[in-house]
PDB file of N, CA and C in Angstrom:
ATOM      1  N   UNK A   1      88.096   1.164 228.475  1.00  0.00           N
ATOM      2  CA  UNK A   1      88.997   2.209 228.014  1.00  0.00           C
ATOM      3  C   UNK A   1      89.745   1.750 226.755  1.00  0.00           C
ATOM      4  N   UNK A   2      90.273   0.528 226.802  1.00  0.00           N
ATOM      5  CA  UNK A   2      91.021   0.011 225.658  1.00  0.00           C
ATOM      6  C   UNK A   2      90.127  -0.154 224.436  1.00  0.00           C
ATOM      7  N   UNK A   3      88.880  -0.590 224.649  1.00  0.00           N
ATOM      8  CA  UNK A   3      87.969  -0.758 223.517  1.00  0.00           C
ATOM      9  C   UNK A   3      87.631   0.586 222.887  1.00  0.00           C
ATOM     10  N   UNK A   4      87.582   1.635 223.665  1.00  0.00           N
ATOM     11  CA  UNK A   4      87.329   2.976 223.123  1.00  0.00           C
ATOM     12  C   UNK A   4      88.506   3.439 222.271  1.00  0.00           C
ATOM     13  N   UNK A   5      89.706   3.155 222.729  1.00  0.00           N
ATOM     14  CA  UNK A   5      90.902   3.546 221.968  1.00  0.00           C
ATOM     15  C   UNK A   5      90.962   2.773 220.656  1.00  0.00           C
ATOM     16  N   UNK A   6      90.700   1.467 220.718  1.00  0.00           N
ATOM     17  CA  UNK A   6      90.720   0.658 219.498  1.00  0.00           C
ATOM     18  C   UNK A   6      89.628   1.084 218.522  1.00  0.00           C
ATOM     19  N   UNK A   7      88.477   1.463 219.029  1.00  0.00           N
ATOM     20  CA  UNK A   7      87.394   1.927 218.161  1.00  0.00           C
ATOM     21  C   UNK A   7      87.763   3.241 217.483  1.00  0.00           C
ATOM     22  N   UNK A   8      88.540   4.068 218.171  1.00  0.00           N
ATOM     23  CA  UNK A   8      88.954   5.343 217.592  1.00  0.00           C
ATOM     24  C   UNK A   8      90.077   5.164 216.577  1.00  0.00           C
ATOM     25  N   UNK A   9      90.896   4.135 216.746  1.00  0.00           N
ATOM     26  CA  UNK A   9      92.055   3.925 215.881  1.00  0.00           C
ATOM     27  C   UNK A   9      91.674   3.196 214.589  1.00  0.00           C
ATOM     28  N   UNK A  10      90.610   2.427 214.607  1.00  0.00           N
ATOM     29  CA  UNK A  10      90.241   1.611 213.445  1.00  0.00           C
ATOM     30  C   UNK A  10      90.040   2.420 212.155  1.00  0.00           C
ATOM     31  N   UNK A  11      89.321   3.527 212.161  1.00  0.00           N
ATOM     32  CA  UNK A  11      89.205   4.306 210.916  1.00  0.00           C
ATOM     33  C   UNK A  11      90.539   4.883 210.460  1.00  0.00           C
ATOM     34  N   UNK A  12      91.409   5.203 211.401  1.00  0.00           N
ATOM     35  CA  UNK A  12      92.718   5.724 211.028  1.00  0.00           C
ATOM     36  C   UNK A  12      93.574   4.656 210.361  1.00  0.00           C
ATOM     37  N   UNK A  13      93.402   3.401 210.756  1.00  0.00           N
ATOM     38  CA  UNK A  13      94.144   2.316 210.115  1.00  0.00           C
ATOM     39  C   UNK A  13      93.718   2.168 208.664  1.00  0.00           C
ATOM     40  N   UNK A  14      92.414   2.297 208.415  1.00  0.00           N
ATOM     41  CA  UNK A  14      91.924   2.209 207.038  1.00  0.00           C
ATOM     42  C   UNK A  14      92.459   3.370 206.210  1.00  0.00           C
ATOM     43  N   UNK A  15      92.486   4.553 206.775  1.00  0.00           N
ATOM     44  CA  UNK A  15      93.017   5.712 206.073  1.00  0.00           C
ATOM     45  C   UNK A  15      94.508   5.537 205.789  1.00  0.00           C
ATOM     46  N   UNK A  16      95.249   5.042 206.774  1.00  0.00           N
ATOM     47  CA  UNK A  16      96.683   4.807 206.585  1.00  0.00           C
ATOM     48  C   UNK A  16      96.960   3.767 205.511  1.00  0.00           C
ATOM     49  N   UNK A  17      96.155   2.711 205.476  1.00  0.00           N
ATOM     50  CA  UNK A  17      96.330   1.675 204.454  1.00  0.00           C
ATOM     51  C   UNK A  17      96.025   2.229 203.069  1.00  0.00           C
ATOM     52  N   UNK A  18      95.000   3.048 202.959  1.00  0.00           N
ATOM     53  CA  UNK A  18      94.657   3.629 201.657  1.00  0.00           C
ATOM     54  C   UNK A  18      95.744   4.590 201.186  1.00  0.00           C
ATOM     55  N   UNK A  19      96.263   5.384 202.089  1.00  0.00           N
ATOM     56  CA  UNK A  19      97.343   6.309 201.725  1.00  0.00           C
ATOM     57  C   UNK A  19      98.594   5.525 201.328  1.00  0.00           C
ATOM     58  N   UNK A  20      98.898   4.466 202.061  1.00  0.00           N
ATOM     59  CA  UNK A  20     100.059   3.643 201.722  1.00  0.00           C
ATOM     60  C   UNK A  20      99.943   2.995 200.350  1.00  0.00           C
ATOM     61  N   UNK A  21      98.765   2.486 200.032  1.00  0.00           N
ATOM     62  CA  UNK A  21      98.564   1.874 198.720  1.00  0.00           C
ATOM     63  C   UNK A  21      98.671   2.911 197.611  1.00  0.00           C
ATOM     64  N   UNK A  22      98.141   4.106 197.858  1.00  0.00           N
ATOM     65  CA  UNK A  22      98.229   5.168 196.857  1.00  0.00           C
ATOM     66  C   UNK A  22      99.649   5.623 196.610  1.00  0.00           C
ATOM     67  N   UNK A  23     100.403   5.805 197.671  1.00  0.00           N
ATOM     68  CA  UNK A  23     101.807   6.219 197.519  1.00  0.00           C
ATOM     69  C   UNK A  23     102.604   5.136 196.801  1.00  0.00           C
ATOM     70  N   UNK A  24     102.305   3.879 197.102  1.00  0.00           N
ATOM     71  CA  UNK A  24     102.985   2.776 196.426  1.00  0.00           C
ATOM     72  C   UNK A  24     102.709   2.789 194.926  1.00  0.00           C
ATOM     73  N   UNK A  25     101.465   2.979 194.556  1.00  0.00           N
ATOM     74  CA  UNK A  25     101.113   3.008 193.129  1.00  0.00           C
ATOM     75  C   UNK A  25     101.775   4.187 192.422  1.00  0.00           C
ATOM     76  N   UNK A  26     101.785   5.339 193.064  1.00  0.00           N
ATOM     77  CA  UNK A  26     102.432   6.514 192.472  1.00  0.00           C
ATOM     78  C   UNK A  26     103.932   6.277 192.317  1.00  0.00           C
ATOM     79  N   UNK A  27     104.559   5.730 193.341  1.00  0.00           N
ATOM     80  CA  UNK A  27     105.998   5.461 193.285  1.00  0.00           C
ATOM     81  C   UNK A  27     106.363   4.462 192.202  1.00  0.00           C
ATOM     82  N   UNK A  28     105.564   3.415 192.071  1.00  0.00           N
ATOM     83  CA  UNK A  28     105.829   2.422 191.030  1.00  0.00           C
ATOM     84  C   UNK A  28     105.654   3.029 189.641  1.00  0.00           C
ATOM     85  N   UNK A  29     104.644   3.859 189.473  1.00  0.00           N
ATOM     86  CA  UNK A  29     104.435   4.517 188.175  1.00  0.00           C
ATOM     87  C   UNK A  29     105.586   5.433 187.807  1.00  0.00           C
ATOM     88  N   UNK A  30     106.056   6.198 188.768  1.00  0.00           N
ATOM     89  CA  UNK A  30     107.198   7.088 188.521  1.00  0.00           C
ATOM     90  C   UNK A  30     108.447   6.275 188.204  1.00  0.00           C
ATOM     91  N   UNK A  31     108.668   5.207 188.961  1.00  0.00           N
ATOM     92  CA  UNK A  31     109.852   4.378 188.742  1.00  0.00           C
ATOM     93  C   UNK A  31     109.861   3.726 187.367  1.00  0.00           C
ATOM     94  N   UNK A  32     108.752   3.172 186.952  1.00  0.00           N
ATOM     95  CA  UNK A  32     108.692   2.524 185.649  1.00  0.00           C
ATOM     96  C   UNK A  32     108.787   3.553 184.530  1.00  0.00           C
ATOM     97  N   UNK A  33     108.227   4.740 184.749  1.00  0.00           N
ATOM     98  CA  UNK A  33     108.362   5.803 183.749  1.00  0.00           C
ATOM     99  C   UNK A  33     109.811   6.220 183.551  1.00  0.00           C
ATOM    100  N   UNK A  34     110.552   6.329 184.662  1.00  0.00           N
ATOM    101  CA  UNK A  34     111.962   6.687 184.551  1.00  0.00           C
ATOM    102  C   UNK A  34     112.770   5.573 183.891  1.00  0.00           C
ATOM    103  N   UNK A  35     112.418   4.327 184.185  1.00  0.00           N
ATOM    104  CA  UNK A  35     113.109   3.201 183.545  1.00  0.00           C
ATOM    105  C   UNK A  35     112.893   3.234 182.039  1.00  0.00           C
ATOM    106  N   UNK A  36     111.640   3.410 181.626  1.00  0.00           N
ATOM    107  CA  UNK A  36     111.331   3.449 180.195  1.00  0.00           C
ATOM    108  C   UNK A  36     111.998   4.621 179.496  1.00  0.00           C
ATOM    109  N   UNK A  37     111.996   5.779 180.142  1.00  0.00           N
ATOM    110  CA  UNK A  37     112.624   6.964 179.561  1.00  0.00           C
ATOM    111  C   UNK A  37     114.124   6.758 179.380  1.00  0.00           C
ATOM    112  N   UNK A  38     114.768   6.243 180.409  1.00  0.00           N
ATOM    113  CA  UNK A  38     116.211   6.015 180.324  1.00  0.00           C
ATOM    114  C   UNK A  38     116.552   4.958 179.284  1.00  0.00           C
ATOM    115  N   UNK A  39     115.725   3.929 179.196  1.00  0.00           N
ATOM    116  CA  UNK A  39     115.976   2.884 178.199  1.00  0.00           C
ATOM    117  C   UNK A  39     115.834   3.431 176.781  1.00  0.00           C
ATOM    118  N   UNK A  40     114.842   4.260 176.555  1.00  0.00           N
ATOM    119  CA  UNK A  40     114.665   4.835 175.213  1.00  0.00           C
ATOM    120  C   UNK A  40     115.828   5.755 174.851  1.00  0.00           C
ATOM    121  N   UNK A  41     116.320   6.521 175.817  1.00  0.00           N
ATOM    122  CA  UNK A  41     117.489   7.368 175.554  1.00  0.00           C
ATOM    123  C   UNK A  41     118.719   6.522 175.242  1.00  0.00           C
ATOM    124  N   UNK A  42     118.895   5.433 175.983  1.00  0.00           N
ATOM    125  CA  UNK A  42     120.045   4.566 175.754  1.00  0.00           C
ATOM    126  C   UNK A  42     119.963   3.878 174.398  1.00  0.00           C
ATOM    127  N   UNK A  43     118.776   3.441 174.004  1.00  0.00           N
ATOM    128  CA  UNK A  43     118.607   2.802 172.698  1.00  0.00           C
ATOM    129  C   UNK A  43     118.839   3.813 171.580  1.00  0.00           C
ATOM    130  N   UNK A  44     118.409   5.052 171.794  1.00  0.00           N
ATOM    131  CA  UNK A  44     118.633   6.088 170.774  1.00  0.00           C
ATOM    132  C   UNK A  44     120.119   6.383 170.604  1.00  0.00           C
ATOM    133  N   UNK A  45     120.871   6.291 171.690  1.00  0.00           N
ATOM    134  CA  UNK A  45     122.318   6.563 171.607  1.00  0.00           C
ATOM    135  C   UNK A  45     123.089   5.394 171.013  1.00  0.00           C
ATOM    136  N   UNK A  46     122.692   4.176 171.366  1.00  0.00           N
ATOM    137  CA  UNK A  46     123.390   2.984 170.882  1.00  0.00           C
ATOM    138  C   UNK A  46     122.370   1.947 170.406  1.00  0.00           C
ATOM    139  N   UNK A  47     121.883   2.088 169.200  1.00  0.00           N
ATOM    140  CA  UNK A  47     120.854   1.153 168.712  1.00  0.00           C
ATOM    141  C   UNK A  47     121.341  -0.290 168.580  1.00  0.00           C
ATOM    142  N   UNK A  48     122.636  -0.477 168.464  1.00  0.00           N
ATOM    143  CA  UNK A  48     123.149  -1.838 168.267  1.00  0.00           C
ATOM    144  C   UNK A  48     123.022  -2.712 169.514  1.00  0.00           C
ATOM    145  N   UNK A  49     122.843  -2.122 170.682  1.00  0.00           N
ATOM    146  CA  UNK A  49     122.684  -2.916 171.908  1.00  0.00           C
ATOM    147  C   UNK A  49     121.259  -2.810 172.460  1.00  0.00           C
ATOM    148  N   UNK A  50     120.314  -2.575 171.579  1.00  0.00           N
ATOM    149  CA  UNK A  50     118.928  -2.391 172.034  1.00  0.00           C
ATOM    150  C   UNK A  50     118.365  -3.644 172.703  1.00  0.00           C
ATOM    151  N   UNK A  51     118.777  -4.815 172.238  1.00  0.00           N
ATOM    152  CA  UNK A  51     118.299  -6.059 172.851  1.00  0.00           C
ATOM    153  C   UNK A  51     118.725  -6.187 174.302  1.00  0.00           C
ATOM    154  N   UNK A  52     119.989  -5.879 174.583  1.00  0.00           N
ATOM    155  CA  UNK A  52     120.486  -5.950 175.962  1.00  0.00           C
ATOM    156  C   UNK A  52     119.819  -4.907 176.845  1.00  0.00           C
ATOM    157  N   UNK A  53     119.625  -3.714 176.308  1.00  0.00           N
ATOM    158  CA  UNK A  53     118.983  -2.647 177.081  1.00  0.00           C
ATOM    159  C   UNK A  53     117.536  -3.024 177.384  1.00  0.00           C
ATOM    160  N   UNK A  54     116.845  -3.556 176.392  1.00  0.00           N
ATOM    161  CA  UNK A  54     115.450  -3.942 176.576  1.00  0.00           C
ATOM    162  C   UNK A  54     115.328  -5.035 177.633  1.00  0.00           C
ATOM    163  N   UNK A  55     116.235  -6.010 177.595  1.00  0.00           N
ATOM    164  CA  UNK A  55     116.208  -7.084 178.587  1.00  0.00           C
ATOM    165  C   UNK A  55     116.436  -6.542 179.989  1.00  0.00           C
ATOM    166  N   UNK A  56     117.418  -5.665 180.129  1.00  0.00           N
ATOM    167  CA  UNK A  56     117.687  -5.068 181.439  1.00  0.00           C
ATOM    168  C   UNK A  56     116.510  -4.233 181.911  1.00  0.00           C
ATOM    169  N   UNK A  57     115.883  -3.501 180.990  1.00  0.00           N
ATOM    170  CA  UNK A  57     114.736  -2.676 181.341  1.00  0.00           C
ATOM    171  C   UNK A  57     113.587  -3.539 181.862  1.00  0.00           C
ATOM    172  N   UNK A  58     113.323  -4.652 181.210  1.00  0.00           N
ATOM    173  CA  UNK A  58     112.228  -5.523 181.625  1.00  0.00           C
ATOM    174  C   UNK A  58     112.514  -6.125 182.999  1.00  0.00           C
ATOM    175  N   UNK A  59     113.756  -6.529 183.247  1.00  0.00           N
ATOM    176  CA  UNK A  59     114.116  -7.098 184.548  1.00  0.00           C
ATOM    177  C   UNK A  59     113.935  -6.076 185.662  1.00  0.00           C
ATOM    178  N   UNK A  60     114.418  -4.863 185.445  1.00  0.00           N
ATOM    179  CA  UNK A  60     114.299  -3.828 186.472  1.00  0.00           C
ATOM    180  C   UNK A  60     112.839  -3.429 186.672  1.00  0.00           C
ATOM    181  N   UNK A  61     112.066  -3.350 185.603  1.00  0.00           N
ATOM    182  CA  UNK A  61     110.646  -3.028 185.736  1.00  0.00           C
ATOM    183  C   UNK A  61     109.912  -4.109 186.543  1.00  0.00           C
ATOM    184  N   UNK A  62     110.279  -5.364 186.331  1.00  0.00           N
ATOM    185  CA  UNK A  62     109.673  -6.442 187.117  1.00  0.00           C
ATOM    186  C   UNK A  62     110.034  -6.324 188.586  1.00  0.00           C
ATOM    187  N   UNK A  63     111.256  -5.945 188.882  1.00  0.00           N
ATOM    188  CA  UNK A  63     111.654  -5.751 190.283  1.00  0.00           C
ATOM    189  C   UNK A  63     110.877  -4.607 190.923  1.00  0.00           C
ATOM    190  N   UNK A  64     110.692  -3.524 190.197  1.00  0.00           N
ATOM    191  CA  UNK A  64     109.916  -2.401 190.725  1.00  0.00           C
ATOM    192  C   UNK A  64     108.472  -2.828 190.981  1.00  0.00           C
ATOM    193  N   UNK A  65     107.886  -3.548 190.049  1.00  0.00           N
ATOM    194  CA  UNK A  65     106.518  -4.018 190.226  1.00  0.00           C
ATOM    195  C   UNK A  65     106.413  -5.000 191.391  1.00  0.00           C
ATOM    196  N   UNK A  66     107.443  -5.819 191.582  1.00  0.00           N
ATOM    197  CA  UNK A  66     107.442  -6.750 192.715  1.00  0.00           C
ATOM    198  C   UNK A  66     107.440  -6.028 194.037  1.00  0.00           C
ATOM    199  N   UNK A  67     108.242  -4.985 194.149  1.00  0.00           N
ATOM    200  CA  UNK A  67     108.271  -4.199 195.378  1.00  0.00           C
ATOM    201  C   UNK A  67     106.933  -3.502 195.596  1.00  0.00           C
ATOM    202  N   UNK A  68     106.345  -2.986 194.523  1.00  0.00           N
ATOM    203  CA  UNK A  68     105.042  -2.324 194.639  1.00  0.00           C
ATOM    204  C   UNK A  68     103.967  -3.315 195.074  1.00  0.00           C
ATOM    205  N   UNK A  69     103.976  -4.499 194.506  1.00  0.00           N
ATOM    206  CA  UNK A  69     103.001  -5.512 194.881  1.00  0.00           C
ATOM    207  C   UNK A  69     103.171  -5.918 196.340  1.00  0.00           C
ATOM    208  N   UNK A  70     104.410  -6.090 196.768  1.00  0.00           N
ATOM    209  CA  UNK A  70     104.685  -6.442 198.160  1.00  0.00           C
ATOM    210  C   UNK A  70     104.158  -5.356 199.091  1.00  0.00           C
ATOM    211  N   UNK A  71     104.370  -4.115 198.740  1.00  0.00           N
ATOM    212  CA  UNK A  71     103.910  -3.007 199.573  1.00  0.00           C
ATOM    213  C   UNK A  71     102.391  -2.949 199.638  1.00  0.00           C
ATOM    214  N   UNK A  72     101.729  -3.190 198.525  1.00  0.00           N
ATOM    215  CA  UNK A  72     100.264  -3.171 198.527  1.00  0.00           C
ATOM    216  C   UNK A  72      99.715  -4.342 199.346  1.00  0.00           C
ATOM    217  N   UNK A  73     100.370  -5.490 199.303  1.00  0.00           N
ATOM    218  CA  UNK A  73      99.954  -6.623 200.133  1.00  0.00           C
ATOM    219  C   UNK A  73     100.107  -6.280 201.608  1.00  0.00           C
ATOM    220  N   UNK A  74     101.196  -5.628 201.969  1.00  0.00           N
ATOM    221  CA  UNK A  74     101.404  -5.235 203.367  1.00  0.00           C
ATOM    222  C   UNK A  74     100.327  -4.249 203.818  1.00  0.00           C
ATOM    223  N   UNK A  75      99.976  -3.286 202.961  1.00  0.00           N
ATOM    224  CA  UNK A  75      98.920  -2.348 203.347  1.00  0.00           C
ATOM    225  C   UNK A  75      97.565  -3.049 203.453  1.00  0.00           C
ATOM    226  N   UNK A  76      97.304  -4.024 202.599  1.00  0.00           N
ATOM    227  CA  UNK A  76      96.053  -4.780 202.699  1.00  0.00           C
ATOM    228  C   UNK A  76      96.020  -5.595 203.988  1.00  0.00           C
ATOM    229  N   UNK A  77      97.144  -6.179 204.357  1.00  0.00           N
ATOM    230  CA  UNK A  77      97.207  -6.917 205.613  1.00  0.00           C
ATOM    231  C   UNK A  77      97.009  -5.986 206.799  1.00  0.00           C
ATOM    232  N   UNK A  78      97.572  -4.805 206.729  1.00  0.00           N
ATOM    233  CA  UNK A  78      97.385  -3.845 207.815  1.00  0.00           C
ATOM    234  C   UNK A  78      95.928  -3.421 207.917  1.00  0.00           C
ATOM    235  N   UNK A  79      95.233  -3.398 206.805  1.00  0.00           N
ATOM    236  CA  UNK A  79      93.828  -3.000 206.813  1.00  0.00           C
ATOM    237  C   UNK A  79      92.923  -4.114 207.352  1.00  0.00           C
ATOM    238  N   UNK A  80      93.150  -5.342 206.887  1.00  0.00           N
ATOM    239  CA  UNK A  80      92.212  -6.424 207.212  1.00  0.00           C
ATOM    240  C   UNK A  80      92.584  -7.241 208.446  1.00  0.00           C
ATOM    241  N   UNK A  81      93.825  -7.201 208.875  1.00  0.00           N
ATOM    242  CA  UNK A  81      94.245  -7.996 210.036  1.00  0.00           C
ATOM    243  C   UNK A  81      94.536  -7.102 211.232  1.00  0.00           C
ATOM    244  N   UNK A  82      93.573  -6.346 211.624  1.00  0.00           N
ATOM    245  CA  UNK A  82      93.757  -5.449 212.768  1.00  0.00           C
ATOM    246  C   UNK A  82      93.530  -6.197 214.047  1.00  0.00           C
TER     247      UNK A  82
END
């Protein structure tokens, strides 16, 4: 009985992992797009502090990418370590 349930759940785990990875990629893309847009608006308003804005933008973009990478690793682990 348990082996039948596990056999039925295995394809759903792969589907869930694929959906999770896709949502993560979409979320990271939206987040980095908003960061870049806001940074460009801020630089246009105050060009004299463009260096500080650019540095902050790069740091925040790296944090967003780190979270996205962590999420994709978790979905890969959920897929391969069943």
